[in-house]
Amino acid sequence: MKNNTYTQLIFEANFSDAELLENFVDFCAECGALSVSIEDALADTPDEKPVYGEPGYEVDLGWNLSKVSVLLDNSLEKEKFLQDLKNLADLETLPAYTAEQIDDQDWVRITQNQFDPIPIGNKLVIMPSWHIQESLDNNAFPQRKVISLDPGLAFGTGSHPTTNLCLQWIEQNIAHNDDIHVLDYGCGSGILAIAAAKMGAKNIIGVDIDAQAVESAKYNAQNNNCNVNFYVPDDSAWINYKNDTFDIVVANILSNPLKLMCELLSNRVKKGGYLVLSGILSRQSSEIQAIYQPYINMQVWQELDGWVCMAGKK
């Protein structure tokens, strides 16, 4: 049987603010698009722009150049979609775009095949749920603590170098039954907090500005039988911790917000505690070190694929 095909249009444009970008996406949907996704067109380049927001800082929305991917069923003529989009958006010309045909495939199977178990050091393995039974049957990872985690809406599956580096630091520096207080700032999927729990930390908190990420982290912790508390910054329960300091603070974000949050993160580390930072390109490490120097002497702990994990003791 011949597979169905779809048309994918990829627009690249510099929208002057987030509202214009959001409107453009809405217009695509109204004109019949099956799906629309947005990402930074300059991702993984020196001009990548993080989108973030933290308490006390103005939220910075939008990218310098946005990539909008639009999927159309072939029953919808491309030219009609483009004309309708142009009219609805009230644009003289549409942003530049490319078009390609995509075959219909078993997307679930293809996606699952992209995510194999990821061993971390000698003690941990990140394992998507569909691999667990097979791994148990084959005794594939004996004497490793399993973190069951499926790719989802929140960042952090262990595959990206920044997450992998933080996991390695946790695996090597938290001993079983450590009665320590850990803060995972910008927790995403909760993977770092869960890893700390698997390694034996007893008091763990995760915080993220994205409420959906917090819900994902809570689900992942429960699924791994880990006792971790996750909050958004304006949660009253988190506010109760506003004066607390921690034995370990880990923040896997990006260099720009890490620079802005230098004082905030440093002040969360208790005397004798550790600050662990990632999301930093190798070429950015010297600048991060200089910014944090008045508070904590941060050093490159390890490097992987052009990214570094930095750590320092207060």
C-alpha atoms as a PDB file:
ATOM      1  CA  MET A   1       0.000   0.000   0.000  1.00  0.00           C
ATOM      2  CA  LYS A   2       1.347   3.393  -0.954  1.00  0.00           C
ATOM      3  CA  ASN A   3       1.974   5.764   1.954  1.00  0.00           C
ATOM      4  CA  ASN A   4       0.157   9.075   2.112  1.00  0.00           C
ATOM      5  CA  THR A   5       2.326  12.150   1.788  1.00  0.00           C
ATOM      6  CA  TYR A   6       2.177  15.549   3.403  1.00  0.00           C
ATOM      7  CA  THR A   7       3.528  18.974   2.509  1.00  0.00           C
ATOM      8  CA  GLN A   8       5.797  20.670   5.015  1.00  0.00           C
ATOM      9  CA  LEU A   9       6.370  24.407   4.740  1.00  0.00           C
ATOM     10  CA  ILE A  10       9.210  25.946   6.735  1.00  0.00           C
ATOM     11  CA  PHE A  11       9.024  29.718   7.197  1.00  0.00           C
ATOM     12  CA  GLU A  12      11.911  31.777   8.555  1.00  0.00           C
ATOM     13  CA  ALA A  13      11.147  35.307   9.659  1.00  0.00           C
ATOM     14  CA  ASN A  14      12.138  37.986  12.124  1.00  0.00           C
ATOM     15  CA  PHE A  15       8.906  38.756  13.964  1.00  0.00           C
ATOM     16  CA  SER A  16       9.250  42.008  15.884  1.00  0.00           C
ATOM     17  CA  ASP A  17       7.548  40.644  18.994  1.00  0.00           C
ATOM     18  CA  ALA A  18       6.082  37.456  20.398  1.00  0.00           C
ATOM     19  CA  GLU A  19       2.493  38.518  19.719  1.00  0.00           C
ATOM     20  CA  LEU A  20       3.107  38.764  15.964  1.00  0.00           C
ATOM     21  CA  LEU A  21       4.705  35.326  15.982  1.00  0.00           C
ATOM     22  CA  GLU A  22       1.813  33.874  17.981  1.00  0.00           C
ATOM     23  CA  ASN A  23      -0.705  35.436  15.593  1.00  0.00           C
ATOM     24  CA  PHE A  24       1.105  33.999  12.578  1.00  0.00           C
ATOM     25  CA  VAL A  25       0.971  30.511  14.122  1.00  0.00           C
ATOM     26  CA  ASP A  26      -2.742  30.935  14.873  1.00  0.00           C
ATOM     27  CA  PHE A  27      -3.383  32.051  11.301  1.00  0.00           C
ATOM     28  CA  CYS A  28      -1.625  28.929   9.983  1.00  0.00           C
ATOM     29  CA  ALA A  29      -3.934  26.768  12.069  1.00  0.00           C
ATOM     30  CA  GLU A  30      -7.027  28.673  10.934  1.00  0.00           C
ATOM     31  CA  CYS A  31      -6.030  28.148   7.308  1.00  0.00           C
ATOM     32  CA  GLY A  32      -6.042  24.371   7.750  1.00  0.00           C
ATOM     33  CA  ALA A  33      -2.551  23.346   8.912  1.00  0.00           C
ATOM     34  CA  LEU A  34      -2.408  19.932  10.595  1.00  0.00           C
ATOM     35  CA  SER A  35       0.336  21.093  12.950  1.00  0.00           C
ATOM     36  CA  VAL A  36       2.576  24.104  13.540  1.00  0.00           C
ATOM     37  CA  SER A  37       5.831  24.180  15.503  1.00  0.00           C
ATOM     38  CA  ILE A  38       8.204  27.047  16.323  1.00  0.00           C
ATOM     39  CA  GLU A  39      11.896  27.061  17.138  1.00  0.00           C
ATOM     40  CA  ASP A  40      14.911  29.332  17.057  1.00  0.00           C
ATOM     41  CA  ALA A  41      16.221  29.292  13.486  1.00  0.00           C
ATOM     42  CA  LEU A  42      19.679  30.041  14.901  1.00  0.00           C
ATOM     43  CA  ALA A  43      19.670  27.201  17.447  1.00  0.00           C
ATOM     44  CA  ASP A  44      23.034  25.495  17.988  1.00  0.00           C
ATOM     45  CA  THR A  45      24.884  28.512  16.590  1.00  0.00           C
ATOM     46  CA  PRO A  46      26.712  31.313  18.415  1.00  0.00           C
ATOM     47  CA  ASP A  47      23.646  33.517  17.725  1.00  0.00           C
ATOM     48  CA  GLU A  48      21.211  31.188  19.511  1.00  0.00           C
ATOM     49  CA  LYS A  49      18.936  33.217  21.778  1.00  0.00           C
ATOM     50  CA  PRO A  50      17.528  31.621  24.943  1.00  0.00           C
ATOM     51  CA  VAL A  51      13.924  32.426  25.850  1.00  0.00           C
ATOM     52  CA  TYR A  52      13.489  32.504  29.567  1.00  0.00           C
ATOM     53  CA  GLY A  53      11.952  34.305  32.495  1.00  0.00           C
ATOM     54  CA  GLU A  54      12.917  34.404  36.140  1.00  0.00           C
ATOM     55  CA  PRO A  55      11.429  36.109  39.202  1.00  0.00           C
ATOM     56  CA  GLY A  56      12.624  39.688  39.286  1.00  0.00           C
ATOM     57  CA  TYR A  57      13.675  39.740  35.624  1.00  0.00           C
ATOM     58  CA  GLU A  58      11.723  40.908  32.625  1.00  0.00           C
ATOM     59  CA  VAL A  59      10.639  37.951  30.513  1.00  0.00           C
ATOM     60  CA  ASP A  60      12.429  37.958  27.176  1.00  0.00           C
ATOM     61  CA  LEU A  61      10.166  36.528  24.486  1.00  0.00           C
ATOM     62  CA  GLY A  62      10.811  35.715  20.862  1.00  0.00           C
ATOM     63  CA  TRP A  63      13.869  34.971  18.768  1.00  0.00           C
ATOM     64  CA  ASN A  64      15.967  37.048  16.420  1.00  0.00           C
ATOM     65  CA  LEU A  65      14.965  34.636  13.653  1.00  0.00           C
ATOM     66  CA  SER A  66      12.078  32.213  14.075  1.00  0.00           C
ATOM     67  CA  LYS A  67      11.582  28.951  12.220  1.00  0.00           C
ATOM     68  CA  VAL A  68       7.917  28.007  11.803  1.00  0.00           C
ATOM     69  CA  SER A  69       7.269  24.483  10.494  1.00  0.00           C
ATOM     70  CA  VAL A  70       3.789  23.903   9.068  1.00  0.00           C
ATOM     71  CA  LEU A  71       2.408  20.486   8.080  1.00  0.00           C
ATOM     72  CA  LEU A  72      -0.346  20.330   5.452  1.00  0.00           C
ATOM     73  CA  ASP A  73      -2.445  17.381   4.329  1.00  0.00           C
ATOM     74  CA  ASN A  74      -2.111  16.992   0.555  1.00  0.00           C
ATOM     75  CA  SER A  75      -5.872  17.393   0.239  1.00  0.00           C
ATOM     76  CA  LEU A  76      -5.190  21.071   0.957  1.00  0.00           C
ATOM     77  CA  GLU A  77      -3.556  22.806  -1.988  1.00  0.00           C
ATOM     78  CA  LYS A  78      -0.382  24.588  -0.994  1.00  0.00           C
ATOM     79  CA  GLU A  79      -1.115  27.670  -3.106  1.00  0.00           C
ATOM     80  CA  LYS A  80      -4.590  28.040  -1.604  1.00  0.00           C
ATOM     81  CA  PHE A  81      -3.162  27.726   1.915  1.00  0.00           C
ATOM     82  CA  LEU A  82      -0.533  30.379   1.180  1.00  0.00           C
ATOM     83  CA  GLN A  83      -3.064  32.784  -0.324  1.00  0.00           C
ATOM     84  CA  ASP A  84      -5.478  32.301   2.580  1.00  0.00           C
ATOM     85  CA  LEU A  85      -2.626  32.811   5.051  1.00  0.00           C
ATOM     86  CA  LYS A  86      -1.506  35.974   3.301  1.00  0.00           C
ATOM     87  CA  ASN A  87      -5.034  37.396   3.352  1.00  0.00           C
ATOM     88  CA  LEU A  88      -5.776  36.413   6.941  1.00  0.00           C
ATOM     89  CA  ALA A  89      -2.464  37.775   8.234  1.00  0.00           C
ATOM     90  CA  ASP A  90      -2.966  40.920   6.145  1.00  0.00           C
ATOM     91  CA  LEU A  91       0.555  40.709   4.730  1.00  0.00           C
ATOM     92  CA  GLU A  92       1.782  42.142   1.452  1.00  0.00           C
ATOM     93  CA  THR A  93       4.225  39.246   1.179  1.00  0.00           C
ATOM     94  CA  LEU A  94       4.670  36.108   3.238  1.00  0.00           C
ATOM     95  CA  PRO A  95       7.964  35.318   4.989  1.00  0.00           C
ATOM     96  CA  ALA A  96      10.439  33.292   2.939  1.00  0.00           C
ATOM     97  CA  TYR A  97       9.744  29.566   3.050  1.00  0.00           C
ATOM     98  CA  THR A  98      10.818  26.197   1.699  1.00  0.00           C
ATOM     99  CA  ALA A  99       8.504  23.288   0.857  1.00  0.00           C
ATOM    100  CA  GLU A 100       9.034  19.538   0.873  1.00  0.00           C
ATOM    101  CA  GLN A 101       7.011  16.348   0.664  1.00  0.00           C
ATOM    102  CA  ILE A 102       6.985  14.043   3.704  1.00  0.00           C
ATOM    103  CA  ASP A 103       5.896  10.415   3.626  1.00  0.00           C
ATOM    104  CA  ASP A 104       3.378   9.109   6.127  1.00  0.00           C
ATOM    105  CA  GLN A 105       5.187   6.761   8.502  1.00  0.00           C
ATOM    106  CA  ASP A 106       4.827   4.994  11.830  1.00  0.00           C
ATOM    107  CA  TRP A 107       5.946   8.048  13.768  1.00  0.00           C
ATOM    108  CA  VAL A 108       5.606   6.395  17.180  1.00  0.00           C
ATOM    109  CA  ARG A 109       7.907   3.510  16.227  1.00  0.00           C
ATOM    110  CA  ILE A 110      10.386   5.818  14.486  1.00  0.00           C
ATOM    111  CA  THR A 111      10.481   8.172  17.469  1.00  0.00           C
ATOM    112  CA  GLN A 112      10.962   5.328  19.933  1.00  0.00           C
ATOM    113  CA  ASN A 113      13.836   3.919  17.888  1.00  0.00           C
ATOM    114  CA  GLN A 114      15.659   7.233  18.321  1.00  0.00           C
ATOM    115  CA  PHE A 115      15.784   6.863  22.111  1.00  0.00           C
ATOM    116  CA  ASP A 116      17.888   3.985  23.417  1.00  0.00           C
ATOM    117  CA  PRO A 117      18.938   3.500  27.046  1.00  0.00           C
ATOM    118  CA  ILE A 118      21.698   5.938  28.081  1.00  0.00           C
ATOM    119  CA  PRO A 119      24.244   4.660  30.630  1.00  0.00           C
ATOM    120  CA  ILE A 120      25.554   7.377  32.958  1.00  0.00           C
ATOM    121  CA  GLY A 121      28.898   6.616  34.581  1.00  0.00           C
ATOM    122  CA  ASN A 122      28.899   3.283  36.393  1.00  0.00           C
ATOM    123  CA  LYS A 123      25.751   3.597  38.471  1.00  0.00           C
ATOM    124  CA  LEU A 124      22.860   5.051  36.447  1.00  0.00           C
ATOM    125  CA  VAL A 125      20.992   4.381  33.212  1.00  0.00           C
ATOM    126  CA  ILE A 126      18.280   6.533  31.640  1.00  0.00           C
ATOM    127  CA  MET A 127      15.724   4.209  30.100  1.00  0.00           C
ATOM    128  CA  PRO A 128      12.570   4.932  28.060  1.00  0.00           C
ATOM    129  CA  SER A 129       9.641   2.863  29.306  1.00  0.00           C
ATOM    130  CA  TRP A 130       9.440   0.753  26.133  1.00  0.00           C
ATOM    131  CA  HIS A 131      12.953  -0.615  26.799  1.00  0.00           C
ATOM    132  CA  ILE A 132      12.478  -1.567  30.437  1.00  0.00           C
ATOM    133  CA  GLN A 133      10.971  -5.037  30.078  1.00  0.00           C
ATOM    134  CA  GLU A 134      13.472  -6.051  27.411  1.00  0.00           C
ATOM    135  CA  SER A 135      16.358  -4.798  29.557  1.00  0.00           C
ATOM    136  CA  LEU A 136      15.061  -6.693  32.587  1.00  0.00           C
ATOM    137  CA  ASP A 137      14.641  -9.880  30.555  1.00  0.00           C
ATOM    138  CA  ASN A 138      18.185  -9.601  29.213  1.00  0.00           C
ATOM    139  CA  ASN A 139      19.722  -8.291  32.441  1.00  0.00           C
ATOM    140  CA  ALA A 140      21.205  -5.591  30.225  1.00  0.00           C
ATOM    141  CA  PHE A 141      22.197  -3.125  32.960  1.00  0.00           C
ATOM    142  CA  PRO A 142      22.965  -5.050  36.154  1.00  0.00           C
ATOM    143  CA  GLN A 143      23.773  -3.044  39.279  1.00  0.00           C
ATOM    144  CA  ARG A 144      22.669   0.241  37.711  1.00  0.00           C
ATOM    145  CA  LYS A 145      19.878   2.383  39.099  1.00  0.00           C
ATOM    146  CA  VAL A 146      17.252   2.878  36.378  1.00  0.00           C
ATOM    147  CA  ILE A 147      15.662   6.251  35.704  1.00  0.00           C
ATOM    148  CA  SER A 148      12.546   5.575  33.646  1.00  0.00           C
ATOM    149  CA  LEU A 149      11.986   8.614  31.451  1.00  0.00           C
ATOM    150  CA  ASP A 150      10.176   9.039  28.141  1.00  0.00           C
ATOM    151  CA  PRO A 151      10.816  11.979  25.807  1.00  0.00           C
ATOM    152  CA  GLY A 152       8.088  14.519  26.386  1.00  0.00           C
ATOM    153  CA  LEU A 153       7.197  18.178  26.649  1.00  0.00           C
ATOM    154  CA  ALA A 154       9.862  19.148  29.176  1.00  0.00           C
ATOM    155  CA  PHE A 155      13.566  19.470  28.408  1.00  0.00           C
ATOM    156  CA  GLY A 156      15.856  16.750  29.706  1.00  0.00           C
ATOM    157  CA  THR A 157      16.156  13.131  28.591  1.00  0.00           C
ATOM    158  CA  GLY A 158      19.875  12.651  29.243  1.00  0.00           C
ATOM    159  CA  SER A 159      20.823  12.644  25.574  1.00  0.00           C
ATOM    160  CA  HIS A 160      21.965  16.273  25.338  1.00  0.00           C
ATOM    161  CA  PRO A 161      25.560  16.883  26.484  1.00  0.00           C
ATOM    162  CA  THR A 162      24.498  19.505  29.050  1.00  0.00           C
ATOM    163  CA  THR A 163      22.114  17.122  30.802  1.00  0.00           C
ATOM    164  CA  ASN A 164      24.508  14.208  30.470  1.00  0.00           C
ATOM    165  CA  LEU A 165      27.323  16.177  32.106  1.00  0.00           C
ATOM    166  CA  CYS A 166      25.159  17.171  35.068  1.00  0.00           C
ATOM    167  CA  LEU A 167      24.040  13.576  35.480  1.00  0.00           C
ATOM    168  CA  GLN A 168      27.664  12.444  35.528  1.00  0.00           C
ATOM    169  CA  TRP A 169      28.499  14.995  38.228  1.00  0.00           C
ATOM    170  CA  ILE A 170      25.557  13.808  40.338  1.00  0.00           C
ATOM    171  CA  GLU A 171      26.471  10.161  39.785  1.00  0.00           C
ATOM    172  CA  GLN A 172      30.022  10.773  40.984  1.00  0.00           C
ATOM    173  CA  ASN A 173      29.379  13.208  43.835  1.00  0.00           C
ATOM    174  CA  ILE A 174      26.257  12.083  45.688  1.00  0.00           C
ATOM    175  CA  ALA A 175      26.698   9.019  47.849  1.00  0.00           C
ATOM    176  CA  HIS A 176      23.929   6.697  49.043  1.00  0.00           C
ATOM    177  CA  ASN A 177      22.106   7.922  52.149  1.00  0.00           C
ATOM    178  CA  ASP A 178      23.577  11.405  51.836  1.00  0.00           C
ATOM    179  CA  ASP A 179      21.432  13.570  54.116  1.00  0.00           C
ATOM    180  CA  ILE A 180      21.869  16.584  51.897  1.00  0.00           C
ATOM    181  CA  HIS A 181      19.597  19.311  50.580  1.00  0.00           C
ATOM    182  CA  VAL A 182      19.583  19.590  46.743  1.00  0.00           C
ATOM    183  CA  LEU A 183      18.061  22.316  44.553  1.00  0.00           C
ATOM    184  CA  ASP A 184      17.505  21.685  40.835  1.00  0.00           C
ATOM    185  CA  TYR A 185      16.905  25.180  39.433  1.00  0.00           C
ATOM    186  CA  GLY A 186      15.255  25.057  36.000  1.00  0.00           C
ATOM    187  CA  CYS A 187      14.316  21.414  36.516  1.00  0.00           C
ATOM    188  CA  GLY A 188      12.625  20.722  33.156  1.00  0.00           C
ATOM    189  CA  SER A 189      11.684  17.045  33.127  1.00  0.00           C
ATOM    190  CA  GLY A 190      13.044  16.628  36.658  1.00  0.00           C
ATOM    191  CA  ILE A 191      15.764  14.234  35.506  1.00  0.00           C
ATOM    192  CA  LEU A 192      18.567  15.781  37.596  1.00  0.00           C
ATOM    193  CA  ALA A 193      16.478  15.864  40.760  1.00  0.00           C
ATOM    194  CA  ILE A 194      15.392  12.268  40.152  1.00  0.00           C
ATOM    195  CA  ALA A 195      19.016  11.233  39.593  1.00  0.00           C
ATOM    196  CA  ALA A 196      19.981  12.855  42.901  1.00  0.00           C
ATOM    197  CA  ALA A 197      17.226  10.867  44.609  1.00  0.00           C
ATOM    198  CA  LYS A 198      18.338   7.634  42.940  1.00  0.00           C
ATOM    199  CA  MET A 199      21.878   8.257  44.186  1.00  0.00           C
ATOM    200  CA  GLY A 200      20.645   8.629  47.745  1.00  0.00           C
ATOM    201  CA  ALA A 201      19.966  12.330  48.416  1.00  0.00           C
ATOM    202  CA  LYS A 202      17.048  12.716  50.818  1.00  0.00           C
ATOM    203  CA  ASN A 203      15.889  16.346  50.532  1.00  0.00           C
ATOM    204  CA  ILE A 204      15.399  17.494  46.950  1.00  0.00           C
ATOM    205  CA  ILE A 205      13.532  20.424  45.432  1.00  0.00           C
ATOM    206  CA  GLY A 206      13.055  21.312  41.772  1.00  0.00           C
ATOM    207  CA  VAL A 207      11.912  24.682  40.409  1.00  0.00           C
ATOM    208  CA  ASP A 208      10.922  25.726  36.899  1.00  0.00           C
ATOM    209  CA  ILE A 209       9.132  28.752  35.458  1.00  0.00           C
ATOM    210  CA  ASP A 210       7.195  26.455  33.090  1.00  0.00           C
ATOM    211  CA  ALA A 211       4.154  25.029  34.884  1.00  0.00           C
ATOM    212  CA  GLN A 212       3.889  22.259  32.290  1.00  0.00           C
ATOM    213  CA  ALA A 213       7.488  21.242  32.987  1.00  0.00           C
ATOM    214  CA  VAL A 214       6.728  21.102  36.708  1.00  0.00           C
ATOM    215  CA  GLU A 215       3.761  18.807  36.081  1.00  0.00           C
ATOM    216  CA  SER A 216       5.943  16.614  33.873  1.00  0.00           C
ATOM    217  CA  ALA A 217       8.641  16.512  36.559  1.00  0.00           C
ATOM    218  CA  LYS A 218       6.104  15.530  39.219  1.00  0.00           C
ATOM    219  CA  TYR A 219       4.847  12.703  37.013  1.00  0.00           C
ATOM    220  CA  ASN A 220       8.382  11.480  36.285  1.00  0.00           C
ATOM    221  CA  ALA A 221       9.337  11.523  39.972  1.00  0.00           C
ATOM    222  CA  GLN A 222       6.235   9.582  40.926  1.00  0.00           C
ATOM    223  CA  ASN A 223       6.868   7.113  38.105  1.00  0.00           C
ATOM    224  CA  ASN A 224      10.367   6.541  39.509  1.00  0.00           C
ATOM    225  CA  ASN A 225       9.178   6.252  43.132  1.00  0.00           C
ATOM    226  CA  CYS A 226      11.248   9.302  44.085  1.00  0.00           C
ATOM    227  CA  ASN A 227      10.282  11.762  46.791  1.00  0.00           C
ATOM    228  CA  VAL A 228      10.990  15.130  45.172  1.00  0.00           C
ATOM    229  CA  ASN A 229       9.052  18.377  45.506  1.00  0.00           C
ATOM    230  CA  PHE A 230       8.651  20.509  42.369  1.00  0.00           C
ATOM    231  CA  TYR A 231       7.385  24.089  42.235  1.00  0.00           C
ATOM    232  CA  VAL A 232       6.877  27.094  39.995  1.00  0.00           C
ATOM    233  CA  PRO A 233       8.543  30.219  41.460  1.00  0.00           C
ATOM    234  CA  ASP A 234       5.275  31.854  42.603  1.00  0.00           C
ATOM    235  CA  ASP A 235       4.060  28.722  44.387  1.00  0.00           C
ATOM    236  CA  SER A 236       3.463  29.619  48.033  1.00  0.00           C
ATOM    237  CA  ALA A 237       5.217  26.412  49.124  1.00  0.00           C
ATOM    238  CA  TRP A 238       8.372  27.432  47.213  1.00  0.00           C
ATOM    239  CA  ILE A 239       8.218  30.947  48.622  1.00  0.00           C
ATOM    240  CA  ASN A 240       8.519  29.360  52.067  1.00  0.00           C
ATOM    241  CA  TYR A 241      12.024  28.273  51.008  1.00  0.00           C
ATOM    242  CA  LYS A 242      13.071  31.812  50.038  1.00  0.00           C
ATOM    243  CA  ASN A 243      15.738  32.020  52.753  1.00  0.00           C
ATOM    244  CA  ASP A 244      16.942  28.413  52.510  1.00  0.00           C
ATOM    245  CA  THR A 245      20.389  27.415  51.314  1.00  0.00           C
ATOM    246  CA  PHE A 246      21.341  24.045  49.853  1.00  0.00           C
ATOM    247  CA  ASP A 247      24.259  21.625  49.918  1.00  0.00           C
ATOM    248  CA  ILE A 248      24.054  21.279  46.128  1.00  0.00           C
ATOM    249  CA  VAL A 249      22.496  23.692  43.642  1.00  0.00           C
ATOM    250  CA  VAL A 250      22.423  22.499  40.047  1.00  0.00           C
ATOM    251  CA  ALA A 251      21.246  24.681  37.151  1.00  0.00           C
ATOM    252  CA  ASN A 252      21.249  23.307  33.617  1.00  0.00           C
ATOM    253  CA  ILE A 253      19.925  26.277  31.690  1.00  0.00           C
ATOM    254  CA  LEU A 254      21.892  28.470  29.232  1.00  0.00           C
ATOM    255  CA  SER A 255      24.739  30.901  29.666  1.00  0.00           C
ATOM    256  CA  ASN A 256      22.729  34.134  29.361  1.00  0.00           C
ATOM    257  CA  PRO A 257      20.257  33.386  32.175  1.00  0.00           C
ATOM    258  CA  LEU A 258      23.093  31.870  34.217  1.00  0.00           C
ATOM    259  CA  LYS A 259      24.905  35.200  33.971  1.00  0.00           C
ATOM    260  CA  LEU A 260      21.826  37.122  35.051  1.00  0.00           C
ATOM    261  CA  MET A 261      21.127  34.751  37.939  1.00  0.00           C
ATOM    262  CA  CYS A 262      24.673  34.678  39.284  1.00  0.00           C
ATOM    263  CA  GLU A 263      23.853  36.286  42.637  1.00  0.00           C
ATOM    264  CA  LEU A 264      20.533  34.453  42.973  1.00  0.00           C
ATOM    265  CA  LEU A 265      22.062  31.001  42.440  1.00  0.00           C
ATOM    266  CA  SER A 266      25.241  31.666  44.428  1.00  0.00           C
ATOM    267  CA  ASN A 267      23.262  32.846  47.438  1.00  0.00           C
ATOM    268  CA  ARG A 268      21.294  29.595  47.417  1.00  0.00           C
ATOM    269  CA  VAL A 269      24.470  27.569  48.115  1.00  0.00           C
ATOM    270  CA  LYS A 270      25.338  27.062  51.773  1.00  0.00           C
ATOM    271  CA  LYS A 271      28.891  27.472  53.029  1.00  0.00           C
ATOM    272  CA  GLY A 272      30.831  24.367  52.000  1.00  0.00           C
ATOM    273  CA  GLY A 273      28.182  23.467  49.410  1.00  0.00           C
ATOM    274  CA  TYR A 274      28.523  23.038  45.663  1.00  0.00           C
ATOM    275  CA  LEU A 275      27.165  24.953  42.681  1.00  0.00           C
ATOM    276  CA  VAL A 276      26.929  22.987  39.420  1.00  0.00           C
ATOM    277  CA  LEU A 277      26.189  24.814  36.158  1.00  0.00           C
ATOM    278  CA  SER A 278      25.669  23.570  32.622  1.00  0.00           C
ATOM    279  CA  GLY A 279      24.159  24.761  29.367  1.00  0.00           C
ATOM    280  CA  ILE A 280      27.481  26.504  28.752  1.00  0.00           C
ATOM    281  CA  LEU A 281      29.494  26.316  25.552  1.00  0.00           C
ATOM    282  CA  SER A 282      33.223  25.775  26.009  1.00  0.00           C
ATOM    283  CA  ARG A 283      34.009  29.263  24.703  1.00  0.00           C
ATOM    284  CA  GLN A 284      31.646  30.784  27.300  1.00  0.00           C
ATOM    285  CA  SER A 285      33.261  29.176  30.351  1.00  0.00           C
ATOM    286  CA  SER A 286      35.812  31.944  31.017  1.00  0.00           C
ATOM    287  CA  GLU A 287      33.094  34.592  31.086  1.00  0.00           C
ATOM    288  CA  ILE A 288      30.932  32.523  33.438  1.00  0.00           C
ATOM    289  CA  GLN A 289      33.928  31.927  35.694  1.00  0.00           C
ATOM    290  CA  ALA A 290      34.680  35.654  35.883  1.00  0.00           C
ATOM    291  CA  ILE A 291      31.078  36.587  36.672  1.00  0.00           C
ATOM    292  CA  TYR A 292      30.762  34.018  39.473  1.00  0.00           C
ATOM    293  CA  GLN A 293      34.252  34.630  40.907  1.00  0.00           C
ATOM    294  CA  PRO A 294      33.102  37.126  43.608  1.00  0.00           C
ATOM    295  CA  TYR A 295      30.800  34.429  44.972  1.00  0.00           C
ATOM    296  CA  ILE A 296      32.164  30.978  44.085  1.00  0.00           C
ATOM    297  CA  ASN A 297      35.311  29.860  42.268  1.00  0.00           C
ATOM    298  CA  MET A 298      33.751  27.977  39.340  1.00  0.00           C
ATOM    299  CA  GLN A 299      35.932  25.627  37.320  1.00  0.00           C
ATOM    300  CA  VAL A 300      35.254  23.495  34.248  1.00  0.00           C
ATOM    301  CA  TRP A 301      34.554  20.026  35.619  1.00  0.00           C
ATOM    302  CA  GLN A 302      34.135  18.192  32.320  1.00  0.00           C
ATOM    303  CA  GLU A 303      33.565  18.938  28.638  1.00  0.00           C
ATOM    304  CA  LEU A 304      31.448  17.028  26.133  1.00  0.00           C
ATOM    305  CA  ASP A 305      30.824  17.845  22.465  1.00  0.00           C
ATOM    306  CA  GLY A 306      31.666  21.517  22.881  1.00  0.00           C
ATOM    307  CA  TRP A 307      29.617  21.975  26.089  1.00  0.00           C
ATOM    308  CA  VAL A 308      30.955  22.183  29.631  1.00  0.00           C
ATOM    309  CA  CYS A 309      29.767  21.492  33.131  1.00  0.00           C
ATOM    310  CA  MET A 310      31.209  23.909  35.691  1.00  0.00           C
ATOM    311  CA  ALA A 311      31.352  23.273  39.424  1.00  0.00           C
ATOM    312  CA  GLY A 312      32.592  25.134  42.456  1.00  0.00           C
ATOM    313  CA  LYS A 313      32.619  24.841  46.250  1.00  0.00           C
ATOM    314  CA  LYS A 314      31.514  27.816  48.322  1.00  0.00           C
END
